[in-house]
Amino acid sequence: PKAMYYLQLEDDIIAKTMYFTKITDFVHSITSNNWFYIEFSVLGFIGK
């Protein structure tokens, strides 16, 4: 109930510089809302 989007992370990761800006820009660039989830890391459940 807190937010429009939920980003799953873990307690032993680091983020790239400007990661948040890149996520925001990428989400806003997607023209269709028919996506299931977006992977910002290919490992496990990180960055989904």
ModelCIF file with pLDDT and N, C-alpha, C, O atoms, coordinates in Angstrom:
data_MODEL
#
_entry.id   MODEL 
#
_entity.id                         1 
_entity.type                       polymer 
_entity.pdbx_number_of_molecules   1 
#
_entity_poly.entity_id                      1 
_entity_poly.type                           'polypeptide(L)' 
_entity_poly.nstd_linkage                   no 
_entity_poly.nstd_monomer                   no 
_entity_poly.pdbx_seq_one_letter_code       PKAMYYLQLEDDIIAKTMYFTKITDFVHSITSNNWFYIEFSVLGFIGK 
_entity_poly.pdbx_seq_one_letter_code_can   PKAMYYLQLEDDIIAKTMYFTKITDFVHSITSNNWFYIEFSVLGFIGK 
_entity_poly.pdbx_strand_id                 A 
#
loop_
_entity_poly_seq.entity_id 
_entity_poly_seq.num 
_entity_poly_seq.mon_id 
_entity_poly_seq.hetero 
1 1  PRO n 
1 2  LYS n 
1 3  ALA n 
1 4  MET n 
1 5  TYR n 
1 6  TYR n 
1 7  LEU n 
1 8  GLN n 
1 9  LEU n 
1 10 GLU n 
1 11 ASP n 
1 12 ASP n 
1 13 ILE n 
1 14 ILE n 
1 15 ALA n 
1 16 LYS n 
1 17 THR n 
1 18 MET n 
1 19 TYR n 
1 20 PHE n 
1 21 THR n 
1 22 LYS n 
1 23 ILE n 
1 24 THR n 
1 25 ASP n 
1 26 PHE n 
1 27 VAL n 
1 28 HIS n 
1 29 SER n 
1 30 ILE n 
1 31 THR n 
1 32 SER n 
1 33 ASN n 
1 34 ASN n 
1 35 TRP n 
1 36 PHE n 
1 37 TYR n 
1 38 ILE n 
1 39 GLU n 
1 40 PHE n 
1 41 SER n 
1 42 VAL n 
1 43 LEU n 
1 44 GLY n 
1 45 PHE n 
1 46 ILE n 
1 47 GLY n 
1 48 LYS n 
#
_struct_asym.id          A 
_struct_asym.entity_id   1 
#
loop_
_ma_qa_metric.id 
_ma_qa_metric.mode 
_ma_qa_metric.name 
_ma_qa_metric.software_group_id 
_ma_qa_metric.type 
1 global pLDDT . pLDDT 
2 local  pLDDT . pLDDT 
#
_ma_qa_metric_global.metric_id      1 
_ma_qa_metric_global.metric_value   95.98 
_ma_qa_metric_global.model_id       1 
_ma_qa_metric_global.ordinal_id     1 
#
loop_
_ma_qa_metric_local.label_asym_id 
_ma_qa_metric_local.label_comp_id 
_ma_qa_metric_local.label_seq_id 
_ma_qa_metric_local.metric_id 
_ma_qa_metric_local.metric_value 
_ma_qa_metric_local.model_id 
_ma_qa_metric_local.ordinal_id 
A PRO 1  2 96.00 1 1  
A LYS 2  2 97.00 1 2  
A ALA 3  2 98.00 1 3  
A MET 4  2 98.00 1 4  
A TYR 5  2 98.00 1 5  
A TYR 6  2 98.00 1 6  
A LEU 7  2 98.00 1 7  
A GLN 8  2 98.00 1 8  
A LEU 9  2 98.00 1 9  
A GLU 10 2 97.00 1 10 
A ASP 11 2 97.00 1 11 
A ASP 12 2 96.00 1 12 
A ILE 13 2 98.00 1 13 
A ILE 14 2 98.00 1 14 
A ALA 15 2 98.00 1 15 
A LYS 16 2 98.00 1 16 
A THR 17 2 97.00 1 17 
A MET 18 2 98.00 1 18 
A TYR 19 2 98.00 1 19 
A PHE 20 2 98.00 1 20 
A THR 21 2 98.00 1 21 
A LYS 22 2 98.00 1 22 
A ILE 23 2 98.00 1 23 
A THR 24 2 98.00 1 24 
A ASP 25 2 98.00 1 25 
A PHE 26 2 97.00 1 26 
A VAL 27 2 97.00 1 27 
A HIS 28 2 95.00 1 28 
A SER 29 2 95.00 1 29 
A ILE 30 2 93.00 1 30 
A THR 31 2 85.00 1 31 
A SER 32 2 85.00 1 32 
A ASN 33 2 86.00 1 33 
A ASN 34 2 87.00 1 34 
A TRP 35 2 93.00 1 35 
A PHE 36 2 92.00 1 36 
A TYR 37 2 95.00 1 37 
A ILE 38 2 97.00 1 38 
A GLU 39 2 97.00 1 39 
A PHE 40 2 98.00 1 40 
A SER 41 2 98.00 1 41 
A VAL 42 2 96.00 1 42 
A LEU 43 2 96.00 1 43 
A GLY 44 2 94.00 1 44 
A PHE 45 2 96.00 1 45 
A ILE 46 2 97.00 1 46 
A GLY 47 2 98.00 1 47 
A LYS 48 2 98.00 1 48 
#
loop_
_atom_site.group_PDB 
_atom_site.id 
_atom_site.type_symbol 
_atom_site.label_atom_id 
_atom_site.label_alt_id 
_atom_site.label_comp_id 
_atom_site.label_asym_id 
_atom_site.label_entity_id 
_atom_site.label_seq_id 
_atom_site.pdbx_PDB_ins_code 
_atom_site.Cartn_x 
_atom_site.Cartn_y 
_atom_site.Cartn_z 
_atom_site.occupancy 
_atom_site.B_iso_or_equiv 
_atom_site.pdbx_formal_charge 
_atom_site.auth_seq_id 
_atom_site.auth_comp_id 
_atom_site.auth_asym_id 
_atom_site.auth_atom_id 
_atom_site.pdbx_PDB_model_num 
ATOM 1   N N  . PRO A 1 1  ? 0.794  -1.240  0.000   1.00 96.00 ? 1  PRO A N  1 
ATOM 2   C CA . PRO A 1 1  ? 0.000  0.000   0.000   1.00 96.00 ? 1  PRO A CA 1 
ATOM 3   C C  . PRO A 1 1  ? 0.820  1.281   0.000   1.00 96.00 ? 1  PRO A C  1 
ATOM 4   O O  . PRO A 1 1  ? 0.257  2.376   -0.025  1.00 96.00 ? 1  PRO A O  1 
ATOM 5   N N  . LYS A 1 2  ? 2.124  1.160   0.027   1.00 97.00 ? 2  LYS A N  1 
ATOM 6   C CA . LYS A 1 2  ? 2.963  2.344   0.163   1.00 97.00 ? 2  LYS A CA 1 
ATOM 7   C C  . LYS A 1 2  ? 3.352  3.001   -1.163  1.00 97.00 ? 2  LYS A C  1 
ATOM 8   O O  . LYS A 1 2  ? 3.585  4.209   -1.211  1.00 97.00 ? 2  LYS A O  1 
ATOM 9   N N  . ALA A 1 3  ? 3.422  2.218   -2.228  1.00 98.00 ? 3  ALA A N  1 
ATOM 10  C CA . ALA A 1 3  ? 4.034  2.730   -3.450  1.00 98.00 ? 3  ALA A CA 1 
ATOM 11  C C  . ALA A 1 3  ? 3.371  2.157   -4.695  1.00 98.00 ? 3  ALA A C  1 
ATOM 12  O O  . ALA A 1 3  ? 2.613  1.189   -4.629  1.00 98.00 ? 3  ALA A O  1 
ATOM 13  N N  . MET A 1 4  ? 3.674  2.775   -5.828  1.00 98.00 ? 4  MET A N  1 
ATOM 14  C CA . MET A 1 4  ? 3.162  2.308   -7.106  1.00 98.00 ? 4  MET A CA 1 
ATOM 15  C C  . MET A 1 4  ? 3.933  1.070   -7.591  1.00 98.00 ? 4  MET A C  1 
ATOM 16  O O  . MET A 1 4  ? 3.368  0.179   -8.224  1.00 98.00 ? 4  MET A O  1 
ATOM 17  N N  . TYR A 1 5  ? 5.232  1.037   -7.278  1.00 98.00 ? 5  TYR A N  1 
ATOM 18  C CA . TYR A 1 5  ? 6.083  -0.072  -7.698  1.00 98.00 ? 5  TYR A CA 1 
ATOM 19  C C  . TYR A 1 5  ? 6.842  -0.614  -6.498  1.00 98.00 ? 5  TYR A C  1 
ATOM 20  O O  . TYR A 1 5  ? 7.127  0.102   -5.538  1.00 98.00 ? 5  TYR A O  1 
ATOM 21  N N  . TYR A 1 6  ? 7.162  -1.902  -6.582  1.00 98.00 ? 6  TYR A N  1 
ATOM 22  C CA . TYR A 1 6  ? 7.924  -2.555  -5.512  1.00 98.00 ? 6  TYR A CA 1 
ATOM 23  C C  . TYR A 1 6  ? 9.175  -3.181  -6.111  1.00 98.00 ? 6  TYR A C  1 
ATOM 24  O O  . TYR A 1 6  ? 9.092  -3.946  -7.072  1.00 98.00 ? 6  TYR A O  1 
ATOM 25  N N  . LEU A 1 7  ? 10.333 -2.859  -5.544  1.00 98.00 ? 7  LEU A N  1 
ATOM 26  C CA . LEU A 1 7  ? 11.615 -3.390  -6.009  1.00 98.00 ? 7  LEU A CA 1 
ATOM 27  C C  . LEU A 1 7  ? 12.167 -4.338  -4.958  1.00 98.00 ? 7  LEU A C  1 
ATOM 28  O O  . LEU A 1 7  ? 12.426 -3.934  -3.824  1.00 98.00 ? 7  LEU A O  1 
ATOM 29  N N  . GLN A 1 8  ? 12.349 -5.606  -5.335  1.00 98.00 ? 8  GLN A N  1 
ATOM 30  C CA . GLN A 1 8  ? 12.865 -6.599  -4.402  1.00 98.00 ? 8  GLN A CA 1 
ATOM 31  C C  . GLN A 1 8  ? 14.390 -6.615  -4.422  1.00 98.00 ? 8  GLN A C  1 
ATOM 32  O O  . GLN A 1 8  ? 15.016 -6.771  -5.470  1.00 98.00 ? 8  GLN A O  1 
ATOM 33  N N  . LEU A 1 9  ? 14.971 -6.449  -3.232  1.00 98.00 ? 9  LEU A N  1 
ATOM 34  C CA . LEU A 1 9  ? 16.417 -6.497  -3.095  1.00 98.00 ? 9  LEU A CA 1 
ATOM 35  C C  . LEU A 1 9  ? 16.778 -7.480  -1.984  1.00 98.00 ? 9  LEU A C  1 
ATOM 36  O O  . LEU A 1 9  ? 15.897 -8.127  -1.417  1.00 98.00 ? 9  LEU A O  1 
ATOM 37  N N  . GLU A 1 10 ? 18.067 -7.595  -1.673  1.00 97.00 ? 10 GLU A N  1 
ATOM 38  C CA . GLU A 1 10 ? 18.525 -8.418  -0.564  1.00 97.00 ? 10 GLU A CA 1 
ATOM 39  C C  . GLU A 1 10 ? 19.518 -7.615  0.265   1.00 97.00 ? 10 GLU A C  1 
ATOM 40  O O  . GLU A 1 10 ? 19.876 -6.496  -0.103  1.00 97.00 ? 10 GLU A O  1 
ATOM 41  N N  . ASP A 1 11 ? 19.961 -8.178  1.375   1.00 97.00 ? 11 ASP A N  1 
ATOM 42  C CA . ASP A 1 11 ? 20.782 -7.413  2.320   1.00 97.00 ? 11 ASP A CA 1 
ATOM 43  C C  . ASP A 1 11 ? 22.276 -7.549  2.084   1.00 97.00 ? 11 ASP A C  1 
ATOM 44  O O  . ASP A 1 11 ? 23.081 -7.191  2.944   1.00 97.00 ? 11 ASP A O  1 
ATOM 45  N N  . ASP A 1 12 ? 22.649 -8.069  0.914   1.00 96.00 ? 12 ASP A N  1 
ATOM 46  C CA . ASP A 1 12 ? 24.082 -8.208  0.606   1.00 96.00 ? 12 ASP A CA 1 
ATOM 47  C C  . ASP A 1 12 ? 24.347 -7.837  -0.852  1.00 96.00 ? 12 ASP A C  1 
ATOM 48  O O  . ASP A 1 12 ? 24.991 -8.583  -1.590  1.00 96.00 ? 12 ASP A O  1 
ATOM 49  N N  . ILE A 1 13 ? 23.839 -6.675  -1.250  1.00 98.00 ? 13 ILE A N  1 
ATOM 50  C CA . ILE A 1 13 ? 24.027 -6.191  -2.626  1.00 98.00 ? 13 ILE A CA 1 
ATOM 51  C C  . ILE A 1 13 ? 24.531 -4.748  -2.593  1.00 98.00 ? 13 ILE A C  1 
ATOM 52  O O  . ILE A 1 13 ? 24.454 -4.066  -1.570  1.00 98.00 ? 13 ILE A O  1 
ATOM 53  N N  . ILE A 1 14 ? 25.041 -4.309  -3.723  1.00 98.00 ? 14 ILE A N  1 
ATOM 54  C CA . ILE A 1 14 ? 25.350 -2.897  -3.927  1.00 98.00 ? 14 ILE A CA 1 
ATOM 55  C C  . ILE A 1 14 ? 24.661 -2.436  -5.210  1.00 98.00 ? 14 ILE A C  1 
ATOM 56  O O  . ILE A 1 14 ? 24.351 -3.236  -6.092  1.00 98.00 ? 14 ILE A O  1 
ATOM 57  N N  . ALA A 1 15 ? 24.431 -1.132  -5.289  1.00 98.00 ? 15 ALA A N  1 
ATOM 58  C CA . ALA A 1 15 ? 23.744 -0.559  -6.451  1.00 98.00 ? 15 ALA A CA 1 
ATOM 59  C C  . ALA A 1 15 ? 24.709 0.302   -7.259  1.00 98.00 ? 15 ALA A C  1 
ATOM 60  O O  . ALA A 1 15 ? 25.651 0.878   -6.714  1.00 98.00 ? 15 ALA A O  1 
ATOM 61  N N  . LYS A 1 16 ? 24.463 0.382   -8.553  1.00 98.00 ? 16 LYS A N  1 
ATOM 62  C CA . LYS A 1 16 ? 25.264 1.253   -9.409  1.00 98.00 ? 16 LYS A CA 1 
ATOM 63  C C  . LYS A 1 16 ? 24.925 2.719   -9.169  1.00 98.00 ? 16 LYS A C  1 
ATOM 64  O O  . LYS A 1 16 ? 23.828 3.060   -8.728  1.00 98.00 ? 16 LYS A O  1 
ATOM 65  N N  . THR A 1 17 ? 25.884 3.564   -9.468  1.00 97.00 ? 17 THR A N  1 
ATOM 66  C CA . THR A 1 17 ? 25.642 5.002   -9.414  1.00 97.00 ? 17 THR A CA 1 
ATOM 67  C C  . THR A 1 17 ? 24.461 5.357   -10.322 1.00 97.00 ? 17 THR A C  1 
ATOM 68  O O  . THR A 1 17 ? 24.362 4.867   -11.447 1.00 97.00 ? 17 THR A O  1 
ATOM 69  N N  . MET A 1 18 ? 23.571 6.213   -9.818  1.00 98.00 ? 18 MET A N  1 
ATOM 70  C CA . MET A 1 18 ? 22.387 6.661   -10.554 1.00 98.00 ? 18 MET A CA 1 
ATOM 71  C C  . MET A 1 18 ? 21.413 5.524   -10.862 1.00 98.00 ? 18 MET A C  1 
ATOM 72  O O  . MET A 1 18 ? 20.626 5.612   -11.804 1.00 98.00 ? 18 MET A O  1 
ATOM 73  N N  . TYR A 1 19 ? 21.471 4.460   -10.065 1.00 98.00 ? 19 TYR A N  1 
ATOM 74  C CA . TYR A 1 19 ? 20.581 3.323   -10.322 1.00 98.00 ? 19 TYR A CA 1 
ATOM 75  C C  . TYR A 1 19 ? 19.118 3.739   -10.283 1.00 98.00 ? 19 TYR A C  1 
ATOM 76  O O  . TYR A 1 19 ? 18.314 3.283   -11.097 1.00 98.00 ? 19 TYR A O  1 
ATOM 77  N N  . PHE A 1 20 ? 18.775 4.606   -9.334  1.00 98.00 ? 20 PHE A N  1 
ATOM 78  C CA . PHE A 1 20 ? 17.377 4.976   -9.172  1.00 98.00 ? 20 PHE A CA 1 
ATOM 79  C C  . PHE A 1 20 ? 16.894 5.803   -10.361 1.00 98.00 ? 20 PHE A C  1 
ATOM 80  O O  . PHE A 1 20 ? 15.780 5.615   -10.850 1.00 98.00 ? 20 PHE A O  1 
ATOM 81  N N  . THR A 1 21 ? 17.735 6.708   -10.813 1.00 98.00 ? 21 THR A N  1 
ATOM 82  C CA . THR A 1 21 ? 17.396 7.514   -11.997 1.00 98.00 ? 21 THR A CA 1 
ATOM 83  C C  . THR A 1 21 ? 17.180 6.618   -13.203 1.00 98.00 ? 21 THR A C  1 
ATOM 84  O O  . THR A 1 21 ? 16.246 6.826   -13.979 1.00 98.00 ? 21 THR A O  1 
ATOM 85  N N  . LYS A 1 22 ? 18.044 5.619   -13.362 1.00 98.00 ? 22 LYS A N  1 
ATOM 86  C CA . LYS A 1 22 ? 17.942 4.715   -14.508 1.00 98.00 ? 22 LYS A CA 1 
ATOM 87  C C  . LYS A 1 22 ? 16.675 3.860   -14.436 1.00 98.00 ? 22 LYS A C  1 
ATOM 88  O O  . LYS A 1 22 ? 16.033 3.609   -15.456 1.00 98.00 ? 22 LYS A O  1 
ATOM 89  N N  . ILE A 1 23 ? 16.322 3.420   -13.242 1.00 98.00 ? 23 ILE A N  1 
ATOM 90  C CA . ILE A 1 23 ? 15.084 2.646   -13.089 1.00 98.00 ? 23 ILE A CA 1 
ATOM 91  C C  . ILE A 1 23 ? 13.874 3.503   -13.441 1.00 98.00 ? 23 ILE A C  1 
ATOM 92  O O  . ILE A 1 23 ? 13.001 3.082   -14.200 1.00 98.00 ? 23 ILE A O  1 
ATOM 93  N N  . THR A 1 24 ? 13.832 4.701   -12.885 1.00 98.00 ? 24 THR A N  1 
ATOM 94  C CA . THR A 1 24 ? 12.704 5.602   -13.129 1.00 98.00 ? 24 THR A CA 1 
ATOM 95  C C  . THR A 1 24 ? 12.564 5.922   -14.611 1.00 98.00 ? 24 THR A C  1 
ATOM 96  O O  . THR A 1 24 ? 11.472 5.839   -15.172 1.00 98.00 ? 24 THR A O  1 
ATOM 97  N N  . ASP A 1 25 ? 13.668 6.283   -15.235 1.00 98.00 ? 25 ASP A N  1 
ATOM 98  C CA . ASP A 1 25 ? 13.633 6.631   -16.660 1.00 98.00 ? 25 ASP A CA 1 
ATOM 99  C C  . ASP A 1 25 ? 13.191 5.440   -17.507 1.00 98.00 ? 25 ASP A C  1 
ATOM 100 O O  . ASP A 1 25 ? 12.432 5.594   -18.464 1.00 98.00 ? 25 ASP A O  1 
ATOM 101 N N  . PHE A 1 26 ? 13.678 4.243   -17.140 1.00 97.00 ? 26 PHE A N  1 
ATOM 102 C CA . PHE A 1 26 ? 13.339 3.062   -17.935 1.00 97.00 ? 26 PHE A CA 1 
ATOM 103 C C  . PHE A 1 26 ? 11.854 2.721   -17.800 1.00 97.00 ? 26 PHE A C  1 
ATOM 104 O O  . PHE A 1 26 ? 11.194 2.422   -18.795 1.00 97.00 ? 26 PHE A O  1 
ATOM 105 N N  . VAL A 1 27 ? 11.331 2.763   -16.580 1.00 97.00 ? 27 VAL A N  1 
ATOM 106 C CA . VAL A 1 27 ? 9.915  2.462   -16.371 1.00 97.00 ? 27 VAL A CA 1 
ATOM 107 C C  . VAL A 1 27 ? 9.043  3.449   -17.139 1.00 97.00 ? 27 VAL A C  1 
ATOM 108 O O  . VAL A 1 27 ? 8.050  3.063   -17.755 1.00 97.00 ? 27 VAL A O  1 
ATOM 109 N N  . HIS A 1 28 ? 9.420  4.723   -17.098 1.00 95.00 ? 28 HIS A N  1 
ATOM 110 C CA . HIS A 1 28 ? 8.624  5.743   -17.792 1.00 95.00 ? 28 HIS A CA 1 
ATOM 111 C C  . HIS A 1 28 ? 8.728  5.629   -19.310 1.00 95.00 ? 28 HIS A C  1 
ATOM 112 O O  . HIS A 1 28 ? 7.867  6.120   -20.041 1.00 95.00 ? 28 HIS A O  1 
ATOM 113 N N  . SER A 1 29 ? 9.798  4.973   -19.776 1.00 95.00 ? 29 SER A N  1 
ATOM 114 C CA . SER A 1 29 ? 9.987  4.841   -21.234 1.00 95.00 ? 29 SER A CA 1 
ATOM 115 C C  . SER A 1 29 ? 9.177  3.693   -21.826 1.00 95.00 ? 29 SER A C  1 
ATOM 116 O O  . SER A 1 29 ? 9.022  3.616   -23.045 1.00 95.00 ? 29 SER A O  1 
ATOM 117 N N  . ILE A 1 30 ? 8.663  2.809   -20.992 1.00 93.00 ? 30 ILE A N  1 
ATOM 118 C CA . ILE A 1 30 ? 7.891  1.671   -21.477 1.00 93.00 ? 30 ILE A CA 1 
ATOM 119 C C  . ILE A 1 30 ? 6.491  2.152   -21.849 1.00 93.00 ? 30 ILE A C  1 
ATOM 120 O O  . ILE A 1 30 ? 5.754  2.650   -20.998 1.00 93.00 ? 30 ILE A O  1 
ATOM 121 N N  . THR A 1 31 ? 6.135  2.003   -23.092 1.00 85.00 ? 31 THR A N  1 
ATOM 122 C CA . THR A 1 31 ? 4.868  2.556   -23.584 1.00 85.00 ? 31 THR A CA 1 
ATOM 123 C C  . THR A 1 31 ? 3.669  1.708   -23.184 1.00 85.00 ? 31 THR A C  1 
ATOM 124 O O  . THR A 1 31 ? 2.573  2.234   -22.995 1.00 85.00 ? 31 THR A O  1 
ATOM 125 N N  . SER A 1 32 ? 3.869  0.404   -23.053 1.00 85.00 ? 32 SER A N  1 
ATOM 126 C CA . SER A 1 32 ? 2.764  -0.482  -22.667 1.00 85.00 ? 32 SER A CA 1 
ATOM 127 C C  . SER A 1 32 ? 2.820  -0.772  -21.173 1.00 85.00 ? 32 SER A C  1 
ATOM 128 O O  . SER A 1 32 ? 3.901  -0.900  -20.597 1.00 85.00 ? 32 SER A O  1 
ATOM 129 N N  . ASN A 1 33 ? 1.657  -0.873  -20.554 1.00 86.00 ? 33 ASN A N  1 
ATOM 130 C CA . ASN A 1 33 ? 1.597  -1.233  -19.137 1.00 86.00 ? 33 ASN A CA 1 
ATOM 131 C C  . ASN A 1 33 ? 1.423  -2.728  -18.947 1.00 86.00 ? 33 ASN A C  1 
ATOM 132 O O  . ASN A 1 33 ? 1.172  -3.191  -17.834 1.00 86.00 ? 33 ASN A O  1 
ATOM 133 N N  . ASN A 1 34 ? 1.554  -3.479  -20.018 1.00 87.00 ? 34 ASN A N  1 
ATOM 134 C CA . ASN A 1 34 ? 1.291  -4.912  -19.994 1.00 87.00 ? 34 ASN A CA 1 
ATOM 135 C C  . ASN A 1 34 ? 2.553  -5.719  -19.698 1.00 87.00 ? 34 ASN A C  1 
ATOM 136 O O  . ASN A 1 34 ? 2.791  -6.758  -20.314 1.00 87.00 ? 34 ASN A O  1 
ATOM 137 N N  . TRP A 1 35 ? 3.361  -5.237  -18.752 1.00 93.00 ? 35 TRP A N  1 
ATOM 138 C CA . TRP A 1 35 ? 4.554  -6.008  -18.388 1.00 93.00 ? 35 TRP A CA 1 
ATOM 139 C C  . TRP A 1 35 ? 4.321  -6.735  -17.062 1.00 93.00 ? 35 TRP A C  1 
ATOM 140 O O  . TRP A 1 35 ? 3.571  -6.280  -16.198 1.00 93.00 ? 35 TRP A O  1 
ATOM 141 N N  . PHE A 1 36 ? 4.987  -7.871  -16.936 1.00 92.00 ? 36 PHE A N  1 
ATOM 142 C CA . PHE A 1 36 ? 4.816  -8.769  -15.798 1.00 92.00 ? 36 PHE A CA 1 
ATOM 143 C C  . PHE A 1 36 ? 5.727  -8.345  -14.651 1.00 92.00 ? 36 PHE A C  1 
ATOM 144 O O  . PHE A 1 36 ? 5.271  -8.130  -13.528 1.00 92.00 ? 36 PHE A O  1 
ATOM 145 N N  . TYR A 1 37 ? 6.992  -8.231  -14.943 1.00 95.00 ? 37 TYR A N  1 
ATOM 146 C CA . TYR A 1 37 ? 7.964  -7.626  -14.031 1.00 95.00 ? 37 TYR A CA 1 
ATOM 147 C C  . TYR A 1 37 ? 9.193  -7.242  -14.839 1.00 95.00 ? 37 TYR A C  1 
ATOM 148 O O  . TYR A 1 37 ? 9.359  -7.677  -15.978 1.00 95.00 ? 37 TYR A O  1 
ATOM 149 N N  . ILE A 1 38 ? 10.054 -6.423  -14.240 1.00 97.00 ? 38 ILE A N  1 
ATOM 150 C CA . ILE A 1 38 ? 11.277 -5.971  -14.900 1.00 97.00 ? 38 ILE A CA 1 
ATOM 151 C C  . ILE A 1 38 ? 12.469 -6.439  -14.080 1.00 97.00 ? 38 ILE A C  1 
ATOM 152 O O  . ILE A 1 38 ? 12.496 -6.280  -12.859 1.00 97.00 ? 38 ILE A O  1 
ATOM 153 N N  . GLU A 1 39 ? 13.447 -7.015  -14.755 1.00 97.00 ? 39 GLU A N  1 
ATOM 154 C CA . GLU A 1 39 ? 14.658 -7.489  -14.084 1.00 97.00 ? 39 GLU A CA 1 
ATOM 155 C C  . GLU A 1 39 ? 15.755 -6.439  -14.197 1.00 97.00 ? 39 GLU A C  1 
ATOM 156 O O  . GLU A 1 39 ? 16.169 -6.078  -15.298 1.00 97.00 ? 39 GLU A O  1 
ATOM 157 N N  . PHE A 1 40 ? 16.222 -5.953  -13.050 1.00 98.00 ? 40 PHE A N  1 
ATOM 158 C CA . PHE A 1 40 ? 17.375 -5.065  -13.028 1.00 98.00 ? 40 PHE A CA 1 
ATOM 159 C C  . PHE A 1 40 ? 18.616 -5.799  -12.519 1.00 98.00 ? 40 PHE A C  1 
ATOM 160 O O  . PHE A 1 40 ? 19.660 -5.188  -12.289 1.00 98.00 ? 40 PHE A O  1 
ATOM 161 N N  . SER A 1 41 ? 18.490 -7.097  -12.347 1.00 98.00 ? 41 SER A N  1 
ATOM 162 C CA . SER A 1 41 ? 19.597 -8.015  -12.087 1.00 98.00 ? 41 SER A CA 1 
ATOM 163 C C  . SER A 1 41 ? 19.128 -9.394  -12.516 1.00 98.00 ? 41 SER A C  1 
ATOM 164 O O  . SER A 1 41 ? 17.946 -9.716  -12.391 1.00 98.00 ? 41 SER A O  1 
ATOM 165 N N  . VAL A 1 42 ? 20.038 -10.205 -13.019 1.00 96.00 ? 42 VAL A N  1 
ATOM 166 C CA . VAL A 1 42 ? 19.651 -11.545 -13.472 1.00 96.00 ? 42 VAL A CA 1 
ATOM 167 C C  . VAL A 1 42 ? 19.778 -12.576 -12.360 1.00 96.00 ? 42 VAL A C  1 
ATOM 168 O O  . VAL A 1 42 ? 19.385 -13.728 -12.544 1.00 96.00 ? 42 VAL A O  1 
ATOM 169 N N  . LEU A 1 43 ? 20.320 -12.187 -11.208 1.00 96.00 ? 43 LEU A N  1 
ATOM 170 C CA . LEU A 1 43 ? 20.543 -13.138 -10.127 1.00 96.00 ? 43 LEU A CA 1 
ATOM 171 C C  . LEU A 1 43 ? 19.288 -13.337 -9.282  1.00 96.00 ? 43 LEU A C  1 
ATOM 172 O O  . LEU A 1 43 ? 18.745 -12.376 -8.737  1.00 96.00 ? 43 LEU A O  1 
ATOM 173 N N  . GLY A 1 44 ? 18.833 -14.567 -9.174  1.00 94.00 ? 44 GLY A N  1 
ATOM 174 C CA . GLY A 1 44 ? 17.785 -14.923 -8.244  1.00 94.00 ? 44 GLY A CA 1 
ATOM 175 C C  . GLY A 1 44 ? 16.614 -13.972 -8.227  1.00 94.00 ? 44 GLY A C  1 
ATOM 176 O O  . GLY A 1 44 ? 16.007 -13.688 -9.260  1.00 94.00 ? 44 GLY A O  1 
ATOM 177 N N  . PHE A 1 45 ? 16.299 -13.473 -7.021  1.00 96.00 ? 45 PHE A N  1 
ATOM 178 C CA . PHE A 1 45 ? 15.164 -12.589 -6.814  1.00 96.00 ? 45 PHE A CA 1 
ATOM 179 C C  . PHE A 1 45 ? 15.603 -11.132 -6.676  1.00 96.00 ? 45 PHE A C  1 
ATOM 180 O O  . PHE A 1 45 ? 14.790 -10.254 -6.388  1.00 96.00 ? 45 PHE A O  1 
ATOM 181 N N  . ILE A 1 46 ? 16.886 -10.888 -6.883  1.00 97.00 ? 46 ILE A N  1 
ATOM 182 C CA . ILE A 1 46 ? 17.445 -9.546  -6.708  1.00 97.00 ? 46 ILE A CA 1 
ATOM 183 C C  . ILE A 1 46 ? 17.041 -8.646  -7.873  1.00 97.00 ? 46 ILE A C  1 
ATOM 184 O O  . ILE A 1 46 ? 17.085 -9.058  -9.032  1.00 97.00 ? 46 ILE A O  1 
ATOM 185 N N  . GLY A 1 47 ? 16.646 -7.412  -7.554  1.00 98.00 ? 47 GLY A N  1 
ATOM 186 C CA . GLY A 1 47 ? 16.408 -6.421  -8.591  1.00 98.00 ? 47 GLY A CA 1 
ATOM 187 C C  . GLY A 1 47 ? 15.170 -6.643  -9.431  1.00 98.00 ? 47 GLY A C  1 
ATOM 188 O O  . GLY A 1 47 ? 15.105 -6.166  -10.564 1.00 98.00 ? 47 GLY A O  1 
ATOM 189 N N  . LYS A 1 48 ? 14.195 -7.349  -8.911  1.00 98.00 ? 48 LYS A N  1 
ATOM 190 C CA . LYS A 1 48 ? 12.952 -7.578  -9.645  1.00 98.00 ? 48 LYS A CA 1 
ATOM 191 C C  . LYS A 1 48 ? 11.947 -6.485  -9.271  1.00 98.00 ? 48 LYS A C  1 
ATOM 192 O O  . LYS A 1 48 ? 10.824 -6.481  -9.775  1.00 98.00 ? 48 LYS A O  1 
#
